[in-house]
């Protein structure tokens, strides 16, 4: 996975109708991480703020994929803000991909970003059906399982499947694997499912795995 930290210059406040206030507590940067999913399939993880300062930089990054990528997914699980300029970049790219018969979608919206997409009608244009479990690797090679929403009997099954599949792929290897269960966006964990999760953690363990919550 490639990582691109982007720190824009100061912009002028008050010119974007969807802009949030800036100042203490608001990160002025955006980080882009790419993960190759297939020969012409890419996931692009967008973290931070997509605003007037960073939107042109995302636009340039998207244009790099035009000739080689036929299926692009943007992951917004760590996007904290999007402005109308950011929405404009997404709309233009979605239109260009559609005209070429290519696939472009967005997944894992946070509550604030979802509200903006619903308010503008973007939710039906380009948002992919969201999954409870989002799996990615960070720059250190750690496998991160992000749990999004409510952990119930239905959503437990895909988590169990993915953890056991990871064990099957790695248990015969001598290389250590660090697994992180990211529960920052977990909304609920019933007592019965919590017990099943503890059992799953033990069941999916192998000698070279390190597990962190």
N, C-alpha and C. Protein backbone atom coordinates (compact mmCIF):
# COMPACT_ATOMS: atom_id res chain seq x y z
N UNK A 1 0.85 -1.18 0.00
CA UNK A 1 0.00 0.00 0.00
C UNK A 1 0.89 1.24 0.00
N UNK A 2 0.62 2.16 -0.89
CA UNK A 2 1.39 3.39 -0.97
C UNK A 2 0.68 4.47 -0.16
N UNK A 3 1.47 5.34 0.48
CA UNK A 3 0.89 6.40 1.30
C UNK A 3 1.40 7.74 0.82
N UNK A 4 0.49 8.72 0.72
CA UNK A 4 0.84 10.05 0.26
C UNK A 4 0.28 11.09 1.22
N UNK A 5 1.09 11.57 2.20
CA UNK A 5 0.60 12.63 3.06
C UNK A 5 0.57 13.95 2.31
N UNK A 6 -0.51 14.68 2.42
CA UNK A 6 -0.69 15.93 1.68
C UNK A 6 -1.05 17.02 2.66
N UNK A 7 -0.27 18.09 2.70
CA UNK A 7 -0.56 19.19 3.60
C UNK A 7 -0.75 20.44 2.77
N UNK A 8 -2.01 20.88 2.58
CA UNK A 8 -2.28 22.04 1.75
C UNK A 8 -1.94 23.33 2.46
N UNK A 9 -1.88 24.40 1.68
CA UNK A 9 -1.70 25.72 2.26
C UNK A 9 -2.99 26.24 2.85
N UNK A 10 -2.92 27.33 3.56
CA UNK A 10 -4.10 27.93 4.18
C UNK A 10 -5.03 28.46 3.10
N UNK A 11 -6.31 28.15 3.23
CA UNK A 11 -7.30 28.68 2.29
C UNK A 11 -8.08 29.81 2.93
N UNK A 12 -8.98 30.40 2.19
CA UNK A 12 -9.81 31.47 2.71
C UNK A 12 -11.08 30.88 3.28
N UNK A 13 -11.38 31.23 4.53
CA UNK A 13 -12.54 30.67 5.20
C UNK A 13 -13.81 31.33 4.70
N UNK A 14 -14.92 30.61 4.84
CA UNK A 14 -16.22 31.20 4.55
C UNK A 14 -16.63 31.21 3.10
N UNK A 15 -15.87 30.57 2.22
CA UNK A 15 -16.21 30.59 0.80
C UNK A 15 -16.86 29.31 0.32
N UNK A 16 -16.94 28.29 1.19
CA UNK A 16 -17.55 27.02 0.81
C UNK A 16 -18.78 26.80 1.66
N UNK A 17 -19.97 26.65 1.06
CA UNK A 17 -21.19 26.50 1.84
C UNK A 17 -21.24 25.24 2.68
N UNK A 18 -20.38 24.24 2.39
CA UNK A 18 -20.37 23.01 3.17
C UNK A 18 -19.18 22.94 4.13
N UNK A 19 -18.40 24.04 4.19
CA UNK A 19 -17.17 24.00 4.97
C UNK A 19 -17.45 24.01 6.46
N UNK A 20 -16.61 23.29 7.18
CA UNK A 20 -16.64 23.34 8.64
C UNK A 20 -15.66 24.40 9.10
N UNK A 21 -15.76 24.85 10.37
CA UNK A 21 -14.78 25.83 10.87
C UNK A 21 -13.40 25.21 10.97
N UNK A 22 -12.41 26.04 10.83
CA UNK A 22 -11.03 25.58 10.98
C UNK A 22 -10.48 26.06 12.30
N UNK A 23 -9.29 25.61 12.64
CA UNK A 23 -8.70 26.02 13.90
C UNK A 23 -8.33 24.80 14.71
N UNK A 24 -8.24 24.99 16.01
CA UNK A 24 -7.81 23.90 16.88
C UNK A 24 -8.77 22.72 16.81
N UNK A 25 -8.22 21.51 16.64
CA UNK A 25 -9.05 20.32 16.57
C UNK A 25 -9.40 19.92 15.16
N UNK A 26 -9.06 20.73 14.16
CA UNK A 26 -9.36 20.40 12.77
C UNK A 26 -8.06 20.21 12.00
N UNK A 27 -7.87 19.01 11.50
CA UNK A 27 -6.66 18.66 10.77
C UNK A 27 -6.72 19.24 9.37
N UNK A 28 -5.68 19.97 8.99
CA UNK A 28 -5.66 20.62 7.70
C UNK A 28 -5.07 19.74 6.59
N UNK A 29 -4.73 18.49 6.89
CA UNK A 29 -4.06 17.64 5.92
C UNK A 29 -4.95 16.51 5.43
N UNK A 30 -4.51 15.87 4.36
CA UNK A 30 -5.18 14.71 3.81
C UNK A 30 -4.12 13.68 3.47
N UNK A 31 -4.41 12.42 3.74
CA UNK A 31 -3.50 11.33 3.41
C UNK A 31 -4.19 10.37 2.45
N UNK A 32 -3.49 9.98 1.40
CA UNK A 32 -4.00 9.04 0.41
C UNK A 32 -3.17 7.77 0.47
N UNK A 33 -3.85 6.63 0.56
CA UNK A 33 -3.16 5.34 0.53
C UNK A 33 -3.82 4.46 -0.53
N UNK A 34 -3.01 3.86 -1.37
CA UNK A 34 -3.54 3.01 -2.43
C UNK A 34 -3.25 1.55 -2.13
N UNK A 35 -4.21 0.71 -2.49
CA UNK A 35 -4.04 -0.74 -2.34
C UNK A 35 -4.50 -1.41 -3.63
N UNK A 36 -3.64 -2.20 -4.22
CA UNK A 36 -3.96 -2.89 -5.47
C UNK A 36 -4.80 -4.12 -5.16
N UNK A 37 -6.01 -4.17 -5.71
CA UNK A 37 -6.93 -5.27 -5.46
C UNK A 37 -6.91 -6.31 -6.57
N UNK A 38 -6.47 -5.90 -7.76
CA UNK A 38 -6.43 -6.79 -8.91
C UNK A 38 -5.60 -6.15 -10.00
N UNK A 39 -5.52 -6.78 -11.17
CA UNK A 39 -4.69 -6.25 -12.26
C UNK A 39 -5.04 -4.80 -12.63
N UNK A 40 -6.32 -4.44 -12.60
CA UNK A 40 -6.73 -3.07 -12.93
C UNK A 40 -7.73 -2.53 -11.92
N UNK A 41 -7.62 -3.04 -10.69
CA UNK A 41 -8.54 -2.65 -9.62
C UNK A 41 -7.77 -2.06 -8.45
N UNK A 42 -8.20 -0.87 -8.00
CA UNK A 42 -7.48 -0.14 -6.96
C UNK A 42 -8.47 0.34 -5.90
N UNK A 43 -8.03 0.27 -4.64
CA UNK A 43 -8.75 0.93 -3.54
C UNK A 43 -7.91 2.11 -3.09
N UNK A 44 -8.53 3.26 -2.97
CA UNK A 44 -7.83 4.47 -2.54
C UNK A 44 -8.44 4.91 -1.21
N UNK A 45 -7.65 4.88 -0.14
CA UNK A 45 -8.11 5.27 1.20
C UNK A 45 -7.82 6.75 1.40
N UNK A 46 -8.86 7.51 1.67
CA UNK A 46 -8.74 8.96 1.84
C UNK A 46 -8.96 9.29 3.31
N UNK A 47 -7.95 9.90 3.92
CA UNK A 47 -8.02 10.20 5.34
C UNK A 47 -7.80 11.70 5.57
N UNK A 48 -8.59 12.29 6.46
CA UNK A 48 -8.43 13.70 6.80
C UNK A 48 -9.52 14.56 6.20
N UNK A 49 -9.13 15.66 5.57
CA UNK A 49 -10.07 16.65 5.02
C UNK A 49 -9.97 16.74 3.50
N UNK A 50 -11.09 16.65 2.84
CA UNK A 50 -11.16 16.85 1.40
C UNK A 50 -11.85 18.18 1.18
N UNK A 51 -11.05 19.23 1.05
CA UNK A 51 -11.59 20.58 0.98
C UNK A 51 -10.98 21.33 -0.19
N UNK A 52 -11.14 22.65 -0.18
CA UNK A 52 -10.64 23.47 -1.30
C UNK A 52 -9.14 23.30 -1.51
N UNK A 53 -8.40 23.14 -0.40
CA UNK A 53 -6.95 23.01 -0.51
C UNK A 53 -6.49 21.66 -1.00
N UNK A 54 -7.19 20.59 -0.63
CA UNK A 54 -6.73 19.24 -0.97
C UNK A 54 -7.43 18.63 -2.18
N UNK A 55 -8.61 19.16 -2.56
CA UNK A 55 -9.36 18.59 -3.68
C UNK A 55 -8.55 18.54 -4.98
N UNK A 56 -7.82 19.61 -5.35
CA UNK A 56 -7.03 19.53 -6.59
C UNK A 56 -5.96 18.44 -6.54
N UNK A 57 -5.45 18.16 -5.36
CA UNK A 57 -4.43 17.13 -5.23
C UNK A 57 -5.03 15.74 -5.40
N UNK A 58 -6.25 15.55 -4.87
CA UNK A 58 -6.95 14.29 -5.10
C UNK A 58 -7.27 14.14 -6.58
N UNK A 59 -7.67 15.23 -7.21
CA UNK A 59 -8.00 15.20 -8.63
C UNK A 59 -6.79 14.74 -9.45
N UNK A 60 -5.62 15.24 -9.14
CA UNK A 60 -4.41 14.84 -9.87
C UNK A 60 -4.10 13.37 -9.63
N UNK A 61 -4.32 12.92 -8.39
CA UNK A 61 -4.07 11.51 -8.09
C UNK A 61 -5.03 10.62 -8.87
N UNK A 62 -6.29 10.99 -8.95
CA UNK A 62 -7.27 10.20 -9.69
C UNK A 62 -6.93 10.13 -11.17
N UNK A 63 -6.41 11.21 -11.71
CA UNK A 63 -6.06 11.23 -13.13
C UNK A 63 -4.92 10.27 -13.45
N UNK A 64 -4.11 9.96 -12.45
CA UNK A 64 -3.02 9.00 -12.68
C UNK A 64 -3.56 7.60 -12.96
N UNK A 65 -4.80 7.34 -12.55
CA UNK A 65 -5.38 6.01 -12.74
C UNK A 65 -6.14 5.86 -14.06
N UNK A 66 -6.31 6.94 -14.80
CA UNK A 66 -7.21 6.93 -15.95
C UNK A 66 -6.89 5.86 -16.98
N UNK A 67 -5.61 5.65 -17.26
CA UNK A 67 -5.23 4.73 -18.34
C UNK A 67 -5.06 3.28 -17.89
N UNK A 68 -4.91 3.06 -16.58
CA UNK A 68 -4.57 1.72 -16.12
C UNK A 68 -5.62 1.07 -15.24
N UNK A 69 -6.54 1.84 -14.66
CA UNK A 69 -7.50 1.32 -13.69
C UNK A 69 -8.90 1.30 -14.28
N UNK A 70 -9.58 0.17 -14.18
CA UNK A 70 -10.95 0.04 -14.67
C UNK A 70 -11.96 -0.08 -13.53
N UNK A 71 -11.46 -0.27 -12.32
CA UNK A 71 -12.34 -0.42 -11.15
C UNK A 71 -11.67 0.28 -9.97
N UNK A 72 -12.22 1.44 -9.59
CA UNK A 72 -11.63 2.24 -8.51
C UNK A 72 -12.65 2.42 -7.39
N UNK A 73 -12.21 2.12 -6.17
CA UNK A 73 -13.05 2.30 -4.99
C UNK A 73 -12.37 3.27 -4.04
N UNK A 74 -13.11 4.29 -3.62
CA UNK A 74 -12.61 5.21 -2.61
C UNK A 74 -13.15 4.77 -1.25
N UNK A 75 -12.26 4.64 -0.28
CA UNK A 75 -12.66 4.29 1.08
C UNK A 75 -12.62 5.55 1.94
N UNK A 76 -13.80 5.92 2.49
CA UNK A 76 -13.91 7.15 3.27
C UNK A 76 -14.04 6.87 4.77
N UNK A 77 -13.59 5.71 5.23
CA UNK A 77 -13.76 5.36 6.65
C UNK A 77 -13.02 6.31 7.57
N UNK A 78 -12.00 7.03 7.06
CA UNK A 78 -11.25 7.96 7.90
C UNK A 78 -11.29 9.39 7.35
N UNK A 79 -12.26 9.65 6.48
CA UNK A 79 -12.46 11.02 5.99
C UNK A 79 -13.33 11.78 6.99
N UNK A 80 -12.87 12.92 7.46
CA UNK A 80 -13.61 13.65 8.50
C UNK A 80 -14.39 14.84 7.94
N UNK A 81 -14.07 15.26 6.72
CA UNK A 81 -14.74 16.44 6.16
C UNK A 81 -14.66 16.43 4.64
N UNK A 82 -15.73 16.87 3.99
CA UNK A 82 -15.72 17.05 2.54
C UNK A 82 -16.45 18.33 2.19
N UNK A 83 -15.88 19.12 1.31
CA UNK A 83 -16.48 20.39 0.89
C UNK A 83 -17.13 20.22 -0.47
N UNK A 84 -17.79 21.26 -0.94
CA UNK A 84 -18.42 21.20 -2.26
C UNK A 84 -17.37 21.04 -3.36
N UNK A 85 -16.16 21.56 -3.14
CA UNK A 85 -15.09 21.37 -4.11
C UNK A 85 -14.71 19.89 -4.20
N UNK A 86 -14.64 19.23 -3.05
CA UNK A 86 -14.36 17.80 -3.04
C UNK A 86 -15.44 17.01 -3.74
N UNK A 87 -16.70 17.36 -3.51
CA UNK A 87 -17.82 16.69 -4.18
C UNK A 87 -17.75 16.90 -5.69
N UNK A 88 -17.33 18.08 -6.10
CA UNK A 88 -17.24 18.37 -7.53
C UNK A 88 -16.20 17.49 -8.21
N UNK A 89 -15.07 17.29 -7.54
CA UNK A 89 -14.01 16.41 -8.08
C UNK A 89 -14.54 14.99 -8.23
N UNK A 90 -15.27 14.51 -7.22
CA UNK A 90 -15.82 13.16 -7.27
C UNK A 90 -16.83 13.01 -8.40
N UNK A 91 -17.69 14.00 -8.55
CA UNK A 91 -18.72 13.94 -9.59
C UNK A 91 -18.10 13.92 -10.99
N UNK A 92 -17.11 14.76 -11.21
CA UNK A 92 -16.45 14.82 -12.51
C UNK A 92 -15.74 13.50 -12.83
N UNK A 93 -15.10 12.91 -11.81
CA UNK A 93 -14.39 11.66 -12.06
C UNK A 93 -15.37 10.51 -12.27
N UNK A 94 -16.46 10.51 -11.51
CA UNK A 94 -17.48 9.48 -11.69
C UNK A 94 -18.07 9.54 -13.09
N UNK A 95 -18.30 10.73 -13.59
CA UNK A 95 -18.83 10.90 -14.95
C UNK A 95 -17.84 10.39 -15.99
N UNK A 96 -16.55 10.73 -15.81
CA UNK A 96 -15.52 10.30 -16.76
C UNK A 96 -15.39 8.78 -16.77
N UNK A 97 -15.41 8.16 -15.60
CA UNK A 97 -15.30 6.70 -15.52
C UNK A 97 -16.52 6.03 -16.16
N UNK A 98 -17.70 6.59 -15.93
CA UNK A 98 -18.93 6.03 -16.48
C UNK A 98 -18.93 6.09 -18.00
N UNK A 99 -18.45 7.19 -18.56
CA UNK A 99 -18.40 7.35 -20.01
C UNK A 99 -17.45 6.35 -20.66
N UNK A 100 -16.46 5.89 -19.90
CA UNK A 100 -15.50 4.91 -20.42
C UNK A 100 -15.90 3.48 -20.08
N UNK A 101 -17.07 3.31 -19.45
CA UNK A 101 -17.52 1.97 -19.08
C UNK A 101 -16.76 1.38 -17.92
N UNK A 102 -16.18 2.24 -17.10
CA UNK A 102 -15.40 1.78 -15.95
C UNK A 102 -16.20 1.95 -14.66
N UNK A 103 -15.75 1.29 -13.62
CA UNK A 103 -16.47 1.28 -12.35
C UNK A 103 -15.80 2.20 -11.33
N UNK A 104 -16.63 3.03 -10.69
CA UNK A 104 -16.15 3.95 -9.66
C UNK A 104 -17.16 3.97 -8.53
N UNK A 105 -16.70 3.72 -7.31
CA UNK A 105 -17.63 3.68 -6.18
C UNK A 105 -16.94 4.17 -4.91
N UNK A 106 -17.76 4.49 -3.92
CA UNK A 106 -17.28 4.97 -2.62
C UNK A 106 -17.87 4.07 -1.54
N UNK A 107 -17.08 3.77 -0.52
CA UNK A 107 -17.57 2.90 0.55
C UNK A 107 -17.18 3.47 1.91
N UNK A 108 -17.87 2.97 2.94
CA UNK A 108 -17.53 3.24 4.34
C UNK A 108 -17.55 4.73 4.69
N UNK A 109 -18.72 5.32 4.55
CA UNK A 109 -18.90 6.72 4.93
C UNK A 109 -19.07 6.84 6.44
N UNK A 110 -18.42 7.82 7.03
CA UNK A 110 -18.68 8.14 8.43
C UNK A 110 -20.02 8.89 8.51
N UNK A 111 -20.51 9.07 9.73
CA UNK A 111 -21.82 9.70 9.90
C UNK A 111 -21.87 11.09 9.29
N UNK A 112 -20.86 11.91 9.54
CA UNK A 112 -20.86 13.28 9.03
C UNK A 112 -20.79 13.33 7.50
N UNK A 113 -19.95 12.47 6.94
CA UNK A 113 -19.82 12.45 5.48
C UNK A 113 -21.10 11.92 4.85
N UNK A 114 -21.70 10.92 5.47
CA UNK A 114 -22.97 10.38 4.96
C UNK A 114 -24.05 11.46 4.91
N UNK A 115 -24.11 12.29 5.94
CA UNK A 115 -25.11 13.36 5.98
C UNK A 115 -24.93 14.32 4.80
N UNK A 116 -23.67 14.64 4.48
CA UNK A 116 -23.41 15.52 3.34
C UNK A 116 -23.84 14.85 2.03
N UNK A 117 -23.53 13.56 1.88
CA UNK A 117 -23.89 12.83 0.67
C UNK A 117 -25.41 12.70 0.53
N UNK A 118 -26.09 12.50 1.64
CA UNK A 118 -27.55 12.42 1.58
C UNK A 118 -28.16 13.77 1.24
N UNK A 119 -27.62 14.83 1.80
CA UNK A 119 -28.14 16.17 1.57
C UNK A 119 -27.98 16.59 0.11
N UNK A 120 -26.89 16.15 -0.53
CA UNK A 120 -26.60 16.55 -1.91
C UNK A 120 -27.09 15.54 -2.94
N UNK A 121 -27.58 14.38 -2.50
CA UNK A 121 -28.04 13.37 -3.44
C UNK A 121 -26.95 12.45 -3.95
N UNK A 122 -25.72 12.62 -3.46
CA UNK A 122 -24.60 11.79 -3.93
C UNK A 122 -24.72 10.36 -3.43
N UNK A 123 -25.51 10.14 -2.39
CA UNK A 123 -25.58 8.83 -1.77
C UNK A 123 -26.05 7.76 -2.76
N UNK A 124 -26.93 8.14 -3.69
CA UNK A 124 -27.45 7.18 -4.66
C UNK A 124 -26.61 7.12 -5.93
N UNK A 125 -25.70 8.06 -6.10
CA UNK A 125 -24.92 8.13 -7.33
C UNK A 125 -23.71 7.21 -7.32
N UNK A 126 -23.01 7.16 -6.18
CA UNK A 126 -21.71 6.50 -6.22
C UNK A 126 -21.32 5.77 -4.95
N UNK A 127 -22.23 5.62 -4.00
CA UNK A 127 -21.87 4.95 -2.76
C UNK A 127 -22.14 3.46 -2.86
N UNK A 128 -21.11 2.69 -2.65
CA UNK A 128 -21.20 1.24 -2.69
C UNK A 128 -21.85 0.73 -1.40
N UNK A 129 -22.56 -0.39 -1.52
CA UNK A 129 -23.13 -0.99 -0.31
C UNK A 129 -22.00 -1.26 0.69
N UNK A 130 -22.19 -0.76 1.90
CA UNK A 130 -21.12 -0.80 2.87
C UNK A 130 -21.01 -2.16 3.56
N UNK A 131 -19.80 -2.54 3.86
CA UNK A 131 -19.54 -3.78 4.55
C UNK A 131 -19.25 -3.50 6.02
N UNK A 132 -19.59 -4.47 6.88
CA UNK A 132 -19.29 -4.29 8.29
C UNK A 132 -17.79 -4.39 8.54
N UNK A 133 -17.14 -5.31 7.85
CA UNK A 133 -15.70 -5.52 8.04
C UNK A 133 -14.93 -4.94 6.84
N UNK A 134 -14.05 -3.99 7.13
CA UNK A 134 -13.17 -3.43 6.10
C UNK A 134 -11.76 -3.86 6.42
N UNK A 135 -11.09 -4.52 5.47
CA UNK A 135 -9.76 -5.07 5.71
C UNK A 135 -8.74 -4.33 4.85
N UNK A 136 -7.66 -3.91 5.48
CA UNK A 136 -6.61 -3.25 4.72
C UNK A 136 -5.27 -3.47 5.42
N UNK A 137 -4.20 -3.10 4.75
CA UNK A 137 -2.87 -3.15 5.36
C UNK A 137 -2.33 -1.74 5.47
N UNK A 138 -1.68 -1.44 6.61
CA UNK A 138 -1.08 -0.13 6.75
C UNK A 138 0.34 -0.14 6.20
N UNK A 139 1.06 0.98 6.37
CA UNK A 139 2.39 1.09 5.77
C UNK A 139 3.40 0.13 6.39
N UNK A 140 3.11 -0.39 7.58
CA UNK A 140 4.01 -1.35 8.23
C UNK A 140 3.63 -2.80 7.93
N UNK A 141 2.61 -3.01 7.11
CA UNK A 141 2.19 -4.36 6.77
C UNK A 141 1.24 -5.00 7.75
N UNK A 142 0.80 -4.26 8.75
CA UNK A 142 -0.17 -4.78 9.70
C UNK A 142 -1.52 -4.98 9.03
N UNK A 143 -2.19 -6.07 9.34
CA UNK A 143 -3.52 -6.32 8.79
C UNK A 143 -4.55 -5.71 9.73
N UNK A 144 -5.33 -4.76 9.21
CA UNK A 144 -6.29 -4.03 10.04
C UNK A 144 -7.71 -4.44 9.67
N UNK A 145 -8.45 -4.91 10.65
CA UNK A 145 -9.87 -5.21 10.49
C UNK A 145 -10.66 -4.07 11.14
N UNK A 146 -11.23 -3.21 10.32
CA UNK A 146 -12.05 -2.11 10.85
C UNK A 146 -13.50 -2.58 10.94
N UNK A 147 -14.06 -2.53 12.15
CA UNK A 147 -15.43 -2.96 12.39
C UNK A 147 -16.32 -1.73 12.41
N UNK A 148 -17.28 -1.69 11.48
CA UNK A 148 -18.08 -0.48 11.28
C UNK A 148 -19.55 -0.81 11.48
N UNK A 149 -20.18 -0.17 12.45
CA UNK A 149 -21.61 -0.37 12.67
C UNK A 149 -21.87 -1.26 13.87
N UNK A 150 -22.90 -2.09 13.77
CA UNK A 150 -23.31 -2.96 14.87
C UNK A 150 -22.79 -4.38 14.65
N UNK A 151 -22.14 -4.92 15.67
CA UNK A 151 -21.66 -6.30 15.61
C UNK A 151 -22.76 -7.21 16.14
N UNK A 152 -23.50 -7.84 15.23
CA UNK A 152 -24.57 -8.75 15.60
C UNK A 152 -24.33 -10.10 14.94
N UNK A 153 -25.32 -10.99 15.00
CA UNK A 153 -25.14 -12.33 14.45
C UNK A 153 -24.87 -12.29 12.96
N UNK A 154 -25.53 -11.39 12.23
CA UNK A 154 -25.35 -11.30 10.78
C UNK A 154 -23.96 -10.80 10.41
N UNK A 155 -23.50 -9.76 11.10
CA UNK A 155 -22.20 -9.18 10.76
C UNK A 155 -21.04 -9.98 11.36
N UNK A 156 -21.32 -10.85 12.33
CA UNK A 156 -20.26 -11.66 12.93
C UNK A 156 -19.72 -12.69 11.94
N UNK A 157 -20.60 -13.22 11.11
CA UNK A 157 -20.20 -14.28 10.17
C UNK A 157 -19.09 -13.86 9.22
N UNK A 158 -19.19 -12.68 8.55
CA UNK A 158 -18.08 -12.29 7.66
C UNK A 158 -16.79 -12.02 8.41
N UNK A 159 -16.89 -11.52 9.66
CA UNK A 159 -15.68 -11.32 10.46
C UNK A 159 -15.02 -12.66 10.77
N UNK A 160 -15.82 -13.63 11.16
CA UNK A 160 -15.30 -14.97 11.45
C UNK A 160 -14.64 -15.57 10.21
N UNK A 161 -15.30 -15.44 9.09
CA UNK A 161 -14.78 -16.00 7.84
C UNK A 161 -13.43 -15.39 7.47
N UNK A 162 -13.32 -14.06 7.61
CA UNK A 162 -12.08 -13.39 7.23
C UNK A 162 -10.93 -13.72 8.17
N UNK A 163 -11.20 -13.80 9.48
CA UNK A 163 -10.14 -14.11 10.43
C UNK A 163 -9.63 -15.55 10.24
N UNK A 164 -10.54 -16.47 10.01
CA UNK A 164 -10.13 -17.86 9.79
C UNK A 164 -9.39 -18.02 8.47
N UNK A 165 -9.80 -17.25 7.46
CA UNK A 165 -9.11 -17.29 6.17
C UNK A 165 -7.70 -16.74 6.31
N UNK A 166 -7.55 -15.69 7.10
CA UNK A 166 -6.22 -15.12 7.34
C UNK A 166 -5.32 -16.14 8.03
N UNK A 167 -5.86 -16.88 8.99
CA UNK A 167 -5.10 -17.93 9.67
C UNK A 167 -4.66 -19.00 8.67
N UNK A 168 -5.57 -19.42 7.82
CA UNK A 168 -5.27 -20.46 6.84
C UNK A 168 -4.14 -20.03 5.90
N UNK A 169 -4.12 -18.75 5.55
CA UNK A 169 -3.12 -18.25 4.61
C UNK A 169 -1.75 -18.10 5.24
N UNK A 170 -1.69 -17.94 6.57
CA UNK A 170 -0.42 -17.57 7.20
C UNK A 170 0.12 -18.54 8.24
N UNK A 171 -0.67 -19.50 8.69
CA UNK A 171 -0.24 -20.30 9.84
C UNK A 171 0.98 -21.19 9.56
N UNK A 172 1.24 -21.50 8.28
CA UNK A 172 2.40 -22.32 7.95
C UNK A 172 3.64 -21.48 7.64
N UNK A 173 3.49 -20.18 7.66
CA UNK A 173 4.62 -19.29 7.37
C UNK A 173 5.39 -18.96 8.64
N UNK A 174 6.68 -18.70 8.48
CA UNK A 174 7.52 -18.32 9.61
C UNK A 174 7.48 -16.81 9.86
N UNK A 175 6.88 -16.07 8.95
CA UNK A 175 6.83 -14.61 9.08
C UNK A 175 5.75 -14.21 10.10
N UNK A 176 6.10 -13.32 11.03
CA UNK A 176 5.09 -12.85 12.00
C UNK A 176 4.06 -11.95 11.31
N UNK A 177 2.84 -12.00 11.80
CA UNK A 177 1.76 -11.17 11.27
C UNK A 177 1.10 -10.43 12.43
N UNK A 178 0.99 -9.12 12.29
CA UNK A 178 0.30 -8.32 13.29
C UNK A 178 -1.12 -8.02 12.80
N UNK A 179 -2.10 -8.38 13.61
CA UNK A 179 -3.51 -8.16 13.27
C UNK A 179 -4.08 -7.16 14.26
N UNK A 180 -4.76 -6.17 13.73
CA UNK A 180 -5.37 -5.13 14.57
C UNK A 180 -6.87 -5.14 14.35
N UNK A 181 -7.63 -5.30 15.43
CA UNK A 181 -9.09 -5.15 15.36
C UNK A 181 -9.42 -3.72 15.75
N UNK A 182 -9.75 -2.92 14.75
CA UNK A 182 -10.05 -1.50 14.95
C UNK A 182 -11.54 -1.35 15.26
N UNK A 183 -11.86 -1.00 16.50
CA UNK A 183 -13.26 -0.90 16.94
C UNK A 183 -13.71 0.54 17.14
N UNK A 184 -12.97 1.47 16.56
CA UNK A 184 -13.29 2.89 16.75
C UNK A 184 -14.70 3.23 16.28
N UNK A 185 -15.13 2.57 15.19
CA UNK A 185 -16.45 2.88 14.62
C UNK A 185 -17.48 1.78 14.91
N UNK A 186 -17.16 0.93 15.89
CA UNK A 186 -18.11 -0.10 16.32
C UNK A 186 -19.19 0.55 17.17
N UNK A 187 -20.45 0.40 16.76
CA UNK A 187 -21.55 1.07 17.45
C UNK A 187 -22.11 0.26 18.61
N UNK A 188 -22.18 -1.07 18.48
CA UNK A 188 -22.72 -1.89 19.56
C UNK A 188 -22.10 -3.29 19.52
N UNK A 189 -22.02 -3.90 20.72
CA UNK A 189 -21.46 -5.24 20.86
C UNK A 189 -22.25 -5.96 21.94
N UNK A 190 -23.33 -6.67 21.57
CA UNK A 190 -24.14 -7.39 22.56
C UNK A 190 -23.32 -8.42 23.32
N UNK A 191 -23.77 -8.75 24.52
CA UNK A 191 -23.01 -9.64 25.40
C UNK A 191 -22.79 -11.01 24.77
N UNK A 192 -23.82 -11.57 24.10
CA UNK A 192 -23.67 -12.90 23.52
C UNK A 192 -22.66 -12.89 22.36
N UNK A 193 -22.67 -11.81 21.59
CA UNK A 193 -21.72 -11.71 20.48
C UNK A 193 -20.31 -11.43 21.01
N UNK A 194 -20.22 -10.70 22.11
CA UNK A 194 -18.92 -10.45 22.73
C UNK A 194 -18.27 -11.76 23.14
N UNK A 195 -19.07 -12.69 23.69
CA UNK A 195 -18.53 -14.00 24.05
C UNK A 195 -18.08 -14.78 22.84
N UNK A 196 -18.85 -14.71 21.77
CA UNK A 196 -18.48 -15.39 20.53
C UNK A 196 -17.20 -14.80 19.94
N UNK A 197 -17.03 -13.48 20.10
CA UNK A 197 -15.82 -12.82 19.58
C UNK A 197 -14.59 -13.30 20.34
N UNK A 198 -14.70 -13.47 21.65
CA UNK A 198 -13.58 -13.97 22.44
C UNK A 198 -13.19 -15.37 21.99
N UNK A 199 -14.20 -16.21 21.72
CA UNK A 199 -13.92 -17.56 21.24
C UNK A 199 -13.27 -17.53 19.86
N UNK A 200 -13.73 -16.61 19.01
CA UNK A 200 -13.17 -16.49 17.66
C UNK A 200 -11.71 -16.06 17.71
N UNK A 201 -11.38 -15.15 18.63
CA UNK A 201 -10.00 -14.70 18.77
C UNK A 201 -9.09 -15.87 19.08
N UNK A 202 -9.53 -16.76 19.96
CA UNK A 202 -8.73 -17.94 20.29
C UNK A 202 -8.71 -18.93 19.12
N UNK A 203 -9.84 -19.11 18.47
CA UNK A 203 -9.95 -20.07 17.38
C UNK A 203 -9.11 -19.68 16.18
N UNK A 204 -8.97 -18.40 15.95
CA UNK A 204 -8.26 -17.92 14.76
C UNK A 204 -6.79 -17.63 15.03
N UNK A 205 -6.31 -17.98 16.20
CA UNK A 205 -4.92 -17.70 16.57
C UNK A 205 -3.96 -18.70 15.94
N UNK A 206 -2.72 -18.26 15.72
CA UNK A 206 -1.63 -19.16 15.34
C UNK A 206 -0.33 -18.61 15.94
N UNK A 207 0.72 -19.41 15.91
CA UNK A 207 1.93 -19.11 16.68
C UNK A 207 2.55 -17.76 16.35
N UNK A 208 2.51 -17.37 15.10
CA UNK A 208 3.22 -16.14 14.68
C UNK A 208 2.30 -14.93 14.60
N UNK A 209 1.10 -15.04 15.13
CA UNK A 209 0.18 -13.89 15.08
C UNK A 209 0.26 -13.06 16.35
N UNK A 210 0.27 -11.74 16.17
CA UNK A 210 0.13 -10.80 17.27
C UNK A 210 -1.18 -10.04 17.06
N UNK A 211 -2.03 -10.01 18.06
CA UNK A 211 -3.34 -9.40 17.93
C UNK A 211 -3.45 -8.21 18.88
N UNK A 212 -3.93 -7.09 18.33
CA UNK A 212 -4.13 -5.87 19.12
C UNK A 212 -5.55 -5.35 18.89
N UNK A 213 -6.12 -4.74 19.92
CA UNK A 213 -7.45 -4.13 19.81
C UNK A 213 -7.32 -2.62 19.83
